[in-house]
C-alpha atoms as a PDB file:
ATOM      1  CA  MET A   1       3.257  -4.761  28.629  1.00  0.00           C
ATOM      2  CA  GLU A   2       5.634  -2.033  27.656  1.00  0.00           C
ATOM      3  CA  TYR A   3       4.176   1.436  26.674  1.00  0.00           C
ATOM      4  CA  VAL A   4       6.036   3.866  24.365  1.00  0.00           C
ATOM      5  CA  ARG A   5       5.611   7.431  23.379  1.00  0.00           C
ATOM      6  CA  PHE A   6       3.677   7.840  20.092  1.00  0.00           C
ATOM      7  CA  GLY A   7       6.310   9.690  18.180  1.00  0.00           C
ATOM      8  CA  SER A   8       6.708  13.252  19.313  1.00  0.00           C
ATOM      9  CA  THR A   9       3.221  13.343  20.835  1.00  0.00           C
ATOM     10  CA  GLY A  10       2.503  12.834  24.407  1.00  0.00           C
ATOM     11  CA  MET A  11       0.267   9.834  23.850  1.00  0.00           C
ATOM     12  CA  GLN A  12       1.463   6.312  25.163  1.00  0.00           C
ATOM     13  CA  VAL A  13       0.713   3.256  23.213  1.00  0.00           C
ATOM     14  CA  SER A  14       1.419  -0.390  23.776  1.00  0.00           C
ATOM     15  CA  ARG A  15       4.474  -1.809  21.921  1.00  0.00           C
ATOM     16  CA  LEU A  16       2.166  -3.958  19.918  1.00  0.00           C
ATOM     17  CA  CYS A  17      -1.022  -2.787  18.102  1.00  0.00           C
ATOM     18  CA  LEU A  18      -3.793  -5.306  17.253  1.00  0.00           C
ATOM     19  CA  GLY A  19      -4.930  -4.919  13.641  1.00  0.00           C
ATOM     20  CA  MET A  20      -8.660  -5.553  13.217  1.00  0.00           C
ATOM     21  CA  MET A  21      -8.806  -6.394   9.510  1.00  0.00           C
ATOM     22  CA  THR A  22      -9.270 -10.080  10.463  1.00  0.00           C
ATOM     23  CA  TYR A  23     -12.529  -9.441  12.256  1.00  0.00           C
ATOM     24  CA  GLY A  24     -15.707  -8.518  10.539  1.00  0.00           C
ATOM     25  CA  ASP A  25     -17.643 -10.144   7.622  1.00  0.00           C
ATOM     26  CA  PRO A  26     -16.293 -13.294   5.819  1.00  0.00           C
ATOM     27  CA  ALA A  27     -18.341 -12.233   2.817  1.00  0.00           C
ATOM     28  CA  TRP A  28     -15.739  -9.509   2.274  1.00  0.00           C
ATOM     29  CA  ARG A  29     -12.746 -11.965   2.491  1.00  0.00           C
ATOM     30  CA  SER A  30     -13.170 -15.716   3.150  1.00  0.00           C
ATOM     31  CA  TRP A  31     -10.480 -15.673   5.940  1.00  0.00           C
ATOM     32  CA  VAL A  32     -12.105 -12.931   7.933  1.00  0.00           C
ATOM     33  CA  LEU A  33     -13.582 -14.048  11.327  1.00  0.00           C
ATOM     34  CA  THR A  34     -17.084 -13.180  12.340  1.00  0.00           C
ATOM     35  CA  GLU A  35     -17.725 -10.802  15.132  1.00  0.00           C
ATOM     36  CA  GLU A  36     -18.525 -13.642  17.576  1.00  0.00           C
ATOM     37  CA  ALA A  37     -15.164 -15.347  16.696  1.00  0.00           C
ATOM     38  CA  GLY A  38     -13.236 -12.049  16.686  1.00  0.00           C
ATOM     39  CA  ARG A  39     -14.407 -10.483  19.990  1.00  0.00           C
ATOM     40  CA  PRO A  40     -12.224 -12.877  22.255  1.00  0.00           C
ATOM     41  CA  PHE A  41      -9.122 -11.630  20.498  1.00  0.00           C
ATOM     42  CA  VAL A  42      -9.892  -8.058  21.460  1.00  0.00           C
ATOM     43  CA  ARG A  43     -10.676  -9.014  24.859  1.00  0.00           C
ATOM     44  CA  LYS A  44      -7.513 -11.142  25.207  1.00  0.00           C
ATOM     45  CA  ALA A  45      -5.360  -8.209  23.816  1.00  0.00           C
ATOM     46  CA  LEU A  46      -6.854  -5.961  26.447  1.00  0.00           C
ATOM     47  CA  GLU A  47      -5.959  -8.496  29.086  1.00  0.00           C
ATOM     48  CA  TYR A  48      -2.473  -8.599  27.800  1.00  0.00           C
ATOM     49  CA  GLY A  49      -2.195  -4.874  28.183  1.00  0.00           C
ATOM     50  CA  ILE A  50      -2.547  -3.936  24.528  1.00  0.00           C
ATOM     51  CA  ASN A  51      -4.250  -0.487  24.321  1.00  0.00           C
ATOM     52  CA  PHE A  52      -3.877   0.269  20.628  1.00  0.00           C
ATOM     53  CA  PHE A  53      -6.114  -0.982  17.925  1.00  0.00           C
ATOM     54  CA  ASP A  54      -6.029  -0.297  14.260  1.00  0.00           C
ATOM     55  CA  THR A  55      -9.004  -0.630  11.811  1.00  0.00           C
ATOM     56  CA  ALA A  56     -10.066   1.061   8.609  1.00  0.00           C
ATOM     57  CA  ASP A  57     -13.469   1.922   6.984  1.00  0.00           C
ATOM     58  CA  MET A  58     -12.855  -0.419   4.116  1.00  0.00           C
ATOM     59  CA  TYR A  59     -12.250  -3.509   6.317  1.00  0.00           C
ATOM     60  CA  SER A  60     -15.319  -5.650   5.822  1.00  0.00           C
ATOM     61  CA  LEU A  61     -16.883  -2.454   4.393  1.00  0.00           C
ATOM     62  CA  GLY A  62     -17.402  -0.957   7.865  1.00  0.00           C
ATOM     63  CA  ARG A  63     -18.123  -4.153   9.858  1.00  0.00           C
ATOM     64  CA  SER A  64     -14.626  -4.166  11.289  1.00  0.00           C
ATOM     65  CA  GLU A  65     -15.056  -0.851  12.856  1.00  0.00           C
ATOM     66  CA  GLU A  66     -18.472  -1.962  14.301  1.00  0.00           C
ATOM     67  CA  VAL A  67     -16.839  -5.124  15.816  1.00  0.00           C
ATOM     68  CA  LEU A  68     -14.098  -2.855  17.483  1.00  0.00           C
ATOM     69  CA  GLY A  69     -16.614  -0.320  18.725  1.00  0.00           C
ATOM     70  CA  ARG A  70     -18.876  -2.849  20.302  1.00  0.00           C
ATOM     71  CA  ALA A  71     -16.022  -4.816  21.876  1.00  0.00           C
ATOM     72  CA  VAL A  72     -14.386  -1.606  23.334  1.00  0.00           C
ATOM     73  CA  ARG A  73     -17.804  -0.628  24.918  1.00  0.00           C
ATOM     74  CA  ASP A  74     -18.215  -4.126  26.439  1.00  0.00           C
ATOM     75  CA  PHE A  75     -14.516  -4.787  27.435  1.00  0.00           C
ATOM     76  CA  ALA A  76     -12.780  -1.452  28.210  1.00  0.00           C
ATOM     77  CA  ARG A  77     -13.166   2.111  29.030  1.00  0.00           C
ATOM     78  CA  ARG A  78     -12.930   4.527  26.001  1.00  0.00           C
ATOM     79  CA  ASP A  79     -10.487   6.680  27.431  1.00  0.00           C
ATOM     80  CA  ARG A  80      -8.273   3.801  28.231  1.00  0.00           C
ATOM     81  CA  VAL A  81      -7.745   2.664  24.593  1.00  0.00           C
ATOM     82  CA  VAL A  82      -6.255   4.182  21.480  1.00  0.00           C
ATOM     83  CA  ILE A  83      -8.462   3.735  18.387  1.00  0.00           C
ATOM     84  CA  ALA A  84      -7.037   4.304  14.879  1.00  0.00           C
ATOM     85  CA  THR A  85      -8.945   4.009  11.691  1.00  0.00           C
ATOM     86  CA  LYS A  86      -8.332   5.084   8.046  1.00  0.00           C
ATOM     87  CA  VAL A  87     -10.071   6.639   4.983  1.00  0.00           C
ATOM     88  CA  PHE A  88      -9.437   6.479   1.310  1.00  0.00           C
ATOM     89  CA  ASN A  89     -10.548   3.219  -0.326  1.00  0.00           C
ATOM     90  CA  PRO A  90     -13.874   2.917  -2.115  1.00  0.00           C
ATOM     91  CA  MET A  91     -16.824   2.295   0.235  1.00  0.00           C
ATOM     92  CA  SER A  92     -19.454   2.015  -2.656  1.00  0.00           C
ATOM     93  CA  ASP A  93     -20.032   2.559  -6.346  1.00  0.00           C
ATOM     94  CA  ASP A  94     -20.465   6.335  -5.715  1.00  0.00           C
ATOM     95  CA  PRO A  95     -17.562   8.226  -7.348  1.00  0.00           C
ATOM     96  CA  ASN A  96     -17.428  10.546  -4.409  1.00  0.00           C
ATOM     97  CA  ASP A  97     -17.419   7.647  -1.889  1.00  0.00           C
ATOM     98  CA  ARG A  98     -13.669   7.324  -2.200  1.00  0.00           C
ATOM     99  CA  GLY A  99     -10.214   9.093  -2.239  1.00  0.00           C
ATOM    100  CA  LEU A 100      -9.163  11.992  -0.013  1.00  0.00           C
ATOM    101  CA  SER A 101     -11.352  14.870  -1.198  1.00  0.00           C
ATOM    102  CA  ARG A 102     -12.849  17.126   1.403  1.00  0.00           C
ATOM    103  CA  LYS A 103     -16.266  15.806   0.510  1.00  0.00           C
ATOM    104  CA  HIS A 104     -15.307  12.133   1.166  1.00  0.00           C
ATOM    105  CA  ILE A 105     -13.127  12.687   4.154  1.00  0.00           C
ATOM    106  CA  MET A 106     -15.947  14.798   5.815  1.00  0.00           C
ATOM    107  CA  ALA A 107     -18.465  12.101   5.196  1.00  0.00           C
ATOM    108  CA  SER A 108     -16.191   9.272   6.136  1.00  0.00           C
ATOM    109  CA  ILE A 109     -15.129  10.528   9.604  1.00  0.00           C
ATOM    110  CA  ASP A 110     -18.798  10.814  10.583  1.00  0.00           C
ATOM    111  CA  ALA A 111     -19.579   7.494   9.140  1.00  0.00           C
ATOM    112  CA  SER A 112     -16.579   5.957  11.060  1.00  0.00           C
ATOM    113  CA  LEU A 113     -17.560   7.396  14.310  1.00  0.00           C
ATOM    114  CA  ARG A 114     -21.072   6.108  14.031  1.00  0.00           C
ATOM    115  CA  ARG A 115     -19.862   2.554  13.403  1.00  0.00           C
ATOM    116  CA  LEU A 116     -17.310   2.754  16.146  1.00  0.00           C
ATOM    117  CA  GLY A 117     -19.847   4.310  18.503  1.00  0.00           C
ATOM    118  CA  THR A 118     -17.601   7.020  19.692  1.00  0.00           C
ATOM    119  CA  ASP A 119     -17.313  10.879  19.623  1.00  0.00           C
ATOM    120  CA  TYR A 120     -13.696  10.811  18.434  1.00  0.00           C
ATOM    121  CA  VAL A 121     -10.954   8.638  17.134  1.00  0.00           C
ATOM    122  CA  ASP A 122      -7.368   8.922  18.524  1.00  0.00           C
ATOM    123  CA  LEU A 123      -5.683   8.564  15.254  1.00  0.00           C
ATOM    124  CA  TYR A 124      -7.200   9.303  11.863  1.00  0.00           C
ATOM    125  CA  GLN A 125      -5.109   8.069   8.986  1.00  0.00           C
ATOM    126  CA  ILE A 126      -4.978   8.471   5.182  1.00  0.00           C
ATOM    127  CA  HIS A 127      -4.952   4.926   3.971  1.00  0.00           C
ATOM    128  CA  ARG A 128      -3.060   5.825   0.638  1.00  0.00           C
ATOM    129  CA  TRP A 129      -2.019   8.865  -1.211  1.00  0.00           C
ATOM    130  CA  ASP A 130      -4.605  10.216  -3.556  1.00  0.00           C
ATOM    131  CA  PRO A 131      -3.009  11.606  -6.712  1.00  0.00           C
ATOM    132  CA  ALA A 132      -6.501  12.903  -7.937  1.00  0.00           C
ATOM    133  CA  THR A 133      -6.874  15.356  -4.943  1.00  0.00           C
ATOM    134  CA  PRO A 134      -4.519  18.344  -4.055  1.00  0.00           C
ATOM    135  CA  ILE A 135      -2.809  17.400  -0.829  1.00  0.00           C
ATOM    136  CA  GLU A 136      -3.653  21.007   0.396  1.00  0.00           C
ATOM    137  CA  GLU A 137      -7.374  20.012   0.188  1.00  0.00           C
ATOM    138  CA  THR A 138      -6.824  16.827   2.088  1.00  0.00           C
ATOM    139  CA  LEU A 139      -4.597  18.515   4.812  1.00  0.00           C
ATOM    140  CA  ARG A 140      -7.056  21.250   5.283  1.00  0.00           C
ATOM    141  CA  ALA A 141      -9.933  18.821   5.657  1.00  0.00           C
ATOM    142  CA  LEU A 142      -7.954  16.837   8.306  1.00  0.00           C
ATOM    143  CA  ASP A 143      -7.027  19.922  10.176  1.00  0.00           C
ATOM    144  CA  ASP A 144     -10.692  20.865  10.388  1.00  0.00           C
ATOM    145  CA  ILE A 145     -11.375  17.409  11.741  1.00  0.00           C
ATOM    146  CA  VAL A 146      -8.962  17.757  14.458  1.00  0.00           C
ATOM    147  CA  ARG A 147     -10.205  21.210  15.309  1.00  0.00           C
ATOM    148  CA  ALA A 148     -13.701  19.792  15.552  1.00  0.00           C
ATOM    149  CA  GLY A 149     -12.514  17.274  18.074  1.00  0.00           C
ATOM    150  CA  LYS A 150     -13.454  14.283  15.944  1.00  0.00           C
ATOM    151  CA  ALA A 151      -9.716  13.189  15.865  1.00  0.00           C
ATOM    152  CA  LEU A 152      -7.024  13.797  18.193  1.00  0.00           C
ATOM    153  CA  TYR A 153      -4.160  13.032  15.788  1.00  0.00           C
ATOM    154  CA  ILE A 154      -3.701  12.451  11.999  1.00  0.00           C
ATOM    155  CA  GLY A 155      -1.333   9.876  10.448  1.00  0.00           C
ATOM    156  CA  ALA A 156      -0.608   8.484   6.982  1.00  0.00           C
ATOM    157  CA  SER A 157       0.031   5.034   5.502  1.00  0.00           C
ATOM    158  CA  SER A 158       2.188   3.726   2.594  1.00  0.00           C
ATOM    159  CA  THR A 159       3.326   6.875   0.726  1.00  0.00           C
ATOM    160  CA  TYR A 160       6.629   7.651  -0.829  1.00  0.00           C
ATOM    161  CA  ALA A 161       8.987   9.544   1.371  1.00  0.00           C
ATOM    162  CA  TRP A 162       8.957  12.627  -0.871  1.00  0.00           C
ATOM    163  CA  GLN A 163       5.123  12.771  -0.603  1.00  0.00           C
ATOM    164  CA  PHE A 164       5.245  12.428   3.168  1.00  0.00           C
ATOM    165  CA  ALA A 165       7.933  15.140   3.421  1.00  0.00           C
ATOM    166  CA  GLN A 166       5.795  17.433   1.147  1.00  0.00           C
ATOM    167  CA  ALA A 167       2.747  16.949   3.434  1.00  0.00           C
ATOM    168  CA  LEU A 168       4.814  17.632   6.641  1.00  0.00           C
ATOM    169  CA  ALA A 169       6.333  20.804   5.156  1.00  0.00           C
ATOM    170  CA  LEU A 170       2.936  22.047   3.788  1.00  0.00           C
ATOM    171  CA  ALA A 171       1.234  21.550   7.073  1.00  0.00           C
ATOM    172  CA  ASP A 172       4.120  23.414   8.869  1.00  0.00           C
ATOM    173  CA  ALA A 173       3.995  26.270   6.535  1.00  0.00           C
ATOM    174  CA  ARG A 174       0.134  26.660   6.757  1.00  0.00           C
ATOM    175  CA  GLY A 175      -0.150  26.081  10.400  1.00  0.00           C
ATOM    176  CA  TRP A 176      -2.361  22.996   9.982  1.00  0.00           C
ATOM    177  CA  THR A 177      -2.199  19.885  11.866  1.00  0.00           C
ATOM    178  CA  ARG A 178       0.695  17.560  10.891  1.00  0.00           C
ATOM    179  CA  PHE A 179       0.871  13.920  10.516  1.00  0.00           C
ATOM    180  CA  VAL A 180       2.281  12.307  13.543  1.00  0.00           C
ATOM    181  CA  SER A 181       2.584   8.646  12.345  1.00  0.00           C
ATOM    182  CA  MET A 182       3.401   6.561   9.330  1.00  0.00           C
ATOM    183  CA  GLN A 183       1.813   3.122   8.891  1.00  0.00           C
ATOM    184  CA  ASN A 184       4.238   1.649   6.313  1.00  0.00           C
ATOM    185  CA  HIS A 185       5.006  -1.742   4.793  1.00  0.00           C
ATOM    186  CA  TYR A 186       8.103  -3.034   6.685  1.00  0.00           C
ATOM    187  CA  ASN A 187       9.352  -6.562   7.583  1.00  0.00           C
ATOM    188  CA  LEU A 188      12.343  -8.751   7.222  1.00  0.00           C
ATOM    189  CA  ILE A 189      11.375  -9.475   3.731  1.00  0.00           C
ATOM    190  CA  TYR A 190      10.648  -5.937   2.706  1.00  0.00           C
ATOM    191  CA  ARG A 191      13.044  -3.406   4.049  1.00  0.00           C
ATOM    192  CA  GLU A 192      13.100  -0.633   1.350  1.00  0.00           C
ATOM    193  CA  GLU A 193      11.614   1.622   3.917  1.00  0.00           C
ATOM    194  CA  GLU A 194      15.022   1.794   5.502  1.00  0.00           C
ATOM    195  CA  ARG A 195      16.249   3.903   2.561  1.00  0.00           C
ATOM    196  CA  GLU A 196      14.337   7.104   3.045  1.00  0.00           C
ATOM    197  CA  MET A 197      11.151   6.711   5.031  1.00  0.00           C
ATOM    198  CA  LEU A 198      12.439   5.563   8.259  1.00  0.00           C
ATOM    199  CA  PRO A 199      15.276   8.125   8.413  1.00  0.00           C
ATOM    200  CA  LEU A 200      12.715  10.803   7.578  1.00  0.00           C
ATOM    201  CA  CYS A 201      10.374   9.587  10.414  1.00  0.00           C
ATOM    202  CA  ARG A 202      13.249   9.567  12.880  1.00  0.00           C
ATOM    203  CA  GLN A 203      14.258  13.150  12.046  1.00  0.00           C
ATOM    204  CA  GLU A 204      10.732  14.437  12.170  1.00  0.00           C
ATOM    205  CA  GLY A 205       9.717  12.667  15.410  1.00  0.00           C
ATOM    206  CA  ILE A 206       7.077  10.455  13.484  1.00  0.00           C
ATOM    207  CA  ALA A 207       5.721   7.216  15.122  1.00  0.00           C
ATOM    208  CA  VAL A 208       6.273   4.224  12.948  1.00  0.00           C
ATOM    209  CA  ILE A 209       3.572   1.468  12.965  1.00  0.00           C
ATOM    210  CA  PRO A 210       4.530  -1.090  10.371  1.00  0.00           C
ATOM    211  CA  TRP A 211       1.759  -3.219   8.772  1.00  0.00           C
ATOM    212  CA  SER A 212       2.439  -6.724   7.762  1.00  0.00           C
ATOM    213  CA  PRO A 213       5.236  -7.427  10.249  1.00  0.00           C
ATOM    214  CA  LEU A 214       5.151 -11.090   9.533  1.00  0.00           C
ATOM    215  CA  ALA A 215       4.797 -10.466   5.849  1.00  0.00           C
ATOM    216  CA  ARG A 216       1.296 -11.843   5.768  1.00  0.00           C
ATOM    217  CA  GLY A 217       2.337 -15.121   7.368  1.00  0.00           C
ATOM    218  CA  PHE A 218       5.364 -15.596   5.167  1.00  0.00           C
ATOM    219  CA  LEU A 219       7.725 -15.325   8.128  1.00  0.00           C
ATOM    220  CA  THR A 220       5.975 -17.772  10.329  1.00  0.00           C
ATOM    221  CA  GLY A 221       7.620 -20.899   8.948  1.00  0.00           C
ATOM    222  CA  THR A 222       4.569 -22.292   7.097  1.00  0.00           C
ATOM    223  CA  ARG A 223       5.744 -21.297   3.654  1.00  0.00           C
ATOM    224  CA  LYS A 224       7.926 -23.903   1.940  1.00  0.00           C
ATOM    225  CA  ARG A 225       9.853 -23.390  -1.133  1.00  0.00           C
ATOM    226  CA  GLY A 226       8.511 -25.333  -4.037  1.00  0.00           C
ATOM    227  CA  GLU A 227       5.210 -26.254  -2.361  1.00  0.00           C
ATOM    228  CA  ALA A 228       1.736 -25.138  -3.311  1.00  0.00           C
ATOM    229  CA  ARG A 229       0.588 -21.978  -1.823  1.00  0.00           C
ATOM    230  CA  GLN A 230      -2.026 -23.511   0.615  1.00  0.00           C
ATOM    231  CA  ALA A 231      -0.705 -23.182   4.166  1.00  0.00           C
ATOM    232  CA  THR A 232      -3.816 -21.214   5.274  1.00  0.00           C
ATOM    233  CA  GLU A 233      -7.068 -20.161   3.849  1.00  0.00           C
ATOM    234  CA  ARG A 234      -5.687 -16.590   3.656  1.00  0.00           C
ATOM    235  CA  GLU A 235      -2.560 -17.794   1.625  1.00  0.00           C
ATOM    236  CA  ARG A 236      -4.828 -19.484  -0.884  1.00  0.00           C
ATOM    237  CA  THR A 237      -7.051 -16.602  -1.371  1.00  0.00           C
ATOM    238  CA  ASP A 238      -4.858 -13.483  -0.776  1.00  0.00           C
ATOM    239  CA  SER A 239      -3.713 -12.496  -4.157  1.00  0.00           C
ATOM    240  CA  TYR A 240      -2.314  -9.331  -2.844  1.00  0.00           C
ATOM    241  CA  ALA A 241       0.287 -11.254  -0.770  1.00  0.00           C
ATOM    242  CA  HIS A 242       1.296 -13.155  -3.885  1.00  0.00           C
ATOM    243  CA  ASP A 243       2.069  -9.810  -5.471  1.00  0.00           C
ATOM    244  CA  LEU A 244       4.242  -8.792  -2.572  1.00  0.00           C
ATOM    245  CA  TYR A 245       6.132 -11.920  -1.716  1.00  0.00           C
ATOM    246  CA  TYR A 246       7.210 -15.387  -2.888  1.00  0.00           C
ATOM    247  CA  ASP A 247      10.551 -14.514  -4.667  1.00  0.00           C
ATOM    248  CA  ASP A 248      13.469 -16.976  -4.202  1.00  0.00           C
ATOM    249  CA  ALA A 249      15.110 -14.495  -1.959  1.00  0.00           C
ATOM    250  CA  ASP A 250      12.026 -14.168   0.220  1.00  0.00           C
ATOM    251  CA  TYR A 251      12.335 -17.838   0.977  1.00  0.00           C
ATOM    252  CA  ASP A 252      15.983 -17.427   1.839  1.00  0.00           C
ATOM    253  CA  VAL A 253      14.971 -14.849   4.362  1.00  0.00           C
ATOM    254  CA  ALA A 254      12.182 -17.094   5.808  1.00  0.00           C
ATOM    255  CA  GLU A 255      14.552 -19.948   6.238  1.00  0.00           C
ATOM    256  CA  ALA A 256      16.941 -17.797   8.093  1.00  0.00           C
ATOM    257  CA  VAL A 257      14.220 -16.803  10.440  1.00  0.00           C
ATOM    258  CA  VAL A 258      13.268 -20.483  10.999  1.00  0.00           C
ATOM    259  CA  ALA A 259      16.898 -21.329  11.601  1.00  0.00           C
ATOM    260  CA  VAL A 260      17.401 -18.619  14.297  1.00  0.00           C
ATOM    261  CA  ALA A 261      14.089 -19.593  15.904  1.00  0.00           C
ATOM    262  CA  ALA A 262      15.075 -23.253  16.117  1.00  0.00           C
ATOM    263  CA  ALA A 263      18.322 -22.423  17.717  1.00  0.00           C
ATOM    264  CA  ARG A 264      16.598 -20.081  20.316  1.00  0.00           C
ATOM    265  CA  GLY A 265      13.842 -22.512  21.103  1.00  0.00           C
ATOM    266  CA  VAL A 266      11.160 -19.963  19.975  1.00  0.00           C
ATOM    267  CA  THR A 267       8.752 -19.578  16.999  1.00  0.00           C
ATOM    268  CA  PRO A 268       9.680 -17.963  13.797  1.00  0.00           C
ATOM    269  CA  ALA A 269       6.895 -15.492  14.377  1.00  0.00           C
ATOM    270  CA  GLN A 270       8.619 -14.297  17.656  1.00  0.00           C
ATOM    271  CA  VAL A 271      11.940 -13.923  15.891  1.00  0.00           C
ATOM    272  CA  ALA A 272      10.553 -11.877  13.001  1.00  0.00           C
ATOM    273  CA  LEU A 273       8.691  -9.630  15.435  1.00  0.00           C
ATOM    274  CA  ALA A 274      11.594  -9.306  17.755  1.00  0.00           C
ATOM    275  CA  TRP A 275      13.843  -8.199  14.771  1.00  0.00           C
ATOM    276  CA  LEU A 276      11.312  -5.469  13.858  1.00  0.00           C
ATOM    277  CA  LEU A 277      10.865  -4.383  17.517  1.00  0.00           C
ATOM    278  CA  ARG A 278      14.792  -3.655  17.631  1.00  0.00           C
ATOM    279  CA  GLN A 279      14.884  -1.422  14.560  1.00  0.00           C
ATOM    280  CA  PRO A 280      15.284   2.168  15.348  1.00  0.00           C
ATOM    281  CA  GLY A 281      12.281   4.365  15.189  1.00  0.00           C
ATOM    282  CA  VAL A 282       9.773   1.487  15.105  1.00  0.00           C
ATOM    283  CA  THR A 283       6.949   2.357  17.486  1.00  0.00           C
ATOM    284  CA  SER A 284       4.290  -0.332  17.567  1.00  0.00           C
ATOM    285  CA  PRO A 285       3.985  -3.064  14.779  1.00  0.00           C
ATOM    286  CA  ILE A 286       0.482  -3.851  13.777  1.00  0.00           C
ATOM    287  CA  ILE A 287      -0.122  -7.589  14.394  1.00  0.00           C
ATOM    288  CA  GLY A 288      -2.850  -9.847  13.066  1.00  0.00           C
ATOM    289  CA  ALA A 289      -4.352 -12.793  14.714  1.00  0.00           C
ATOM    290  CA  SER A 290      -6.862 -15.317  13.489  1.00  0.00           C
ATOM    291  CA  LYS A 291      -5.934 -17.890  16.032  1.00  0.00           C
ATOM    292  CA  MET A 292      -5.219 -17.197  19.715  1.00  0.00           C
ATOM    293  CA  ALA A 293      -1.802 -18.751  19.524  1.00  0.00           C
ATOM    294  CA  HIS A 294      -0.901 -15.939  17.068  1.00  0.00           C
ATOM    295  CA  LEU A 295      -1.598 -13.350  19.714  1.00  0.00           C
ATOM    296  CA  ASP A 296       0.158 -15.369  22.430  1.00  0.00           C
ATOM    297  CA  GLN A 297       3.238 -15.673  20.219  1.00  0.00           C
ATOM    298  CA  ALA A 298       3.280 -11.831  19.396  1.00  0.00           C
ATOM    299  CA  ILE A 299       3.166 -11.014  23.137  1.00  0.00           C
ATOM    300  CA  ALA A 300       6.027 -13.544  23.809  1.00  0.00           C
ATOM    301  CA  ALA A 301       8.071 -11.853  21.161  1.00  0.00           C
ATOM    302  CA  LEU A 302       8.328  -8.813  23.503  1.00  0.00           C
ATOM    303  CA  ASP A 303      10.633 -10.937  25.756  1.00  0.00           C
ATOM    304  CA  VAL A 304      12.885 -12.123  22.831  1.00  0.00           C
ATOM    305  CA  THR A 305      16.051  -9.932  22.556  1.00  0.00           C
ATOM    306  CA  LEU A 306      18.194 -10.868  19.455  1.00  0.00           C
ATOM    307  CA  THR A 307      21.917 -10.629  19.498  1.00  0.00           C
ATOM    308  CA  ASP A 308      23.727  -8.610  16.910  1.00  0.00           C
ATOM    309  CA  ASP A 309      25.004 -11.765  15.264  1.00  0.00           C
ATOM    310  CA  GLU A 310      21.401 -13.146  15.077  1.00  0.00           C
ATOM    311  CA  ALA A 311      20.076 -10.048  13.424  1.00  0.00           C
ATOM    312  CA  ALA A 312      22.960 -10.018  10.961  1.00  0.00           C
ATOM    313  CA  ARG A 313      22.105 -13.719  10.080  1.00  0.00           C
ATOM    314  CA  LEU A 314      18.472 -12.627   9.499  1.00  0.00           C
ATOM    315  CA  GLU A 315      19.408  -9.621   7.456  1.00  0.00           C
ATOM    316  CA  ALA A 316      22.122 -11.351   5.267  1.00  0.00           C
ATOM    317  CA  PRO A 317      19.838 -13.091   2.538  1.00  0.00           C
ATOM    318  CA  TYR A 318      18.007  -9.854   1.795  1.00  0.00           C
ATOM    319  CA  VAL A 319      18.058  -8.433  -1.673  1.00  0.00           C
ATOM    320  CA  PRO A 320      16.539  -5.164  -2.879  1.00  0.00           C
ATOM    321  CA  HIS A 321      12.917  -5.181  -3.968  1.00  0.00           C
ATOM    322  CA  ARG A 322      10.890  -2.981  -6.260  1.00  0.00           C
ATOM    323  CA  VAL A 323       8.639  -0.693  -4.305  1.00  0.00           C
ATOM    324  CA  LEU A 324       5.755  -2.690  -2.997  1.00  0.00           C
ATOM    325  CA  GLY A 325       2.571  -1.742  -1.042  1.00  0.00           C
ATOM    326  CA  ILE A 326       2.326   1.793  -2.023  1.00  0.00           C
END
């Protein structure tokens, strides 16, 4: 396993991060694995050398954090892993149990720590931007959490570049803890982040940890143009994915991935990940795995080095998209 510097911090993370949304409570999403089924993935990831795990309070309404916390206690030393979680989405019907107000953030970090069974998280992230709360209030609350030792670093996810730049500038001006990472939507099918967000992150020394590097399975070679959307249980039930992908041009990109993979004798997933890993500024893509083969293929992608011609072939079919995933 290769380890890389997490943006401009001194922390080192594995080149791949295991996303924990897949593990928790099937009652939350039908494609989610139970804790018993999910624990082997955490253990295998650790055996592969992955030290970076990303979850969120909303995943299975807290169960994902519990699964990760117990697995870390059973399979690893706490100081040897990097745990990231997120705050923003509704956790109940309570109007204050959502968003990025000081009230919600302070309650949420304590709840996440209890579920994870740890005194601190390495990375505490805002899951989305909250237009109903002044960013000053959010940043001050996050700064207090870092000063209290409940989080070592803070990060953001899926904002507009202007919002992220505003938050960075405000933190610098007030002497508050600044965001050190951006968890954004970036893959071969959705490359709009290349316009502003990625150059901003490179300029500011921000770690980039893309979500959905395989476009929710669209880049694995299982989606066929003109066929019913039923390759997997997640594809059948993931309405959010249907909002993000499935345009004709998306199939063109997926078919290019399949063609390059066939020529190389590797899987489409390996090619899609290898392309993402070669992009300037990308730190550690967040991978998902519901079958052990998914994890094996992701690890194998680390050994795939695409040529410039192969990368150009993969990028050629792309057409601009409206902003997605914010």
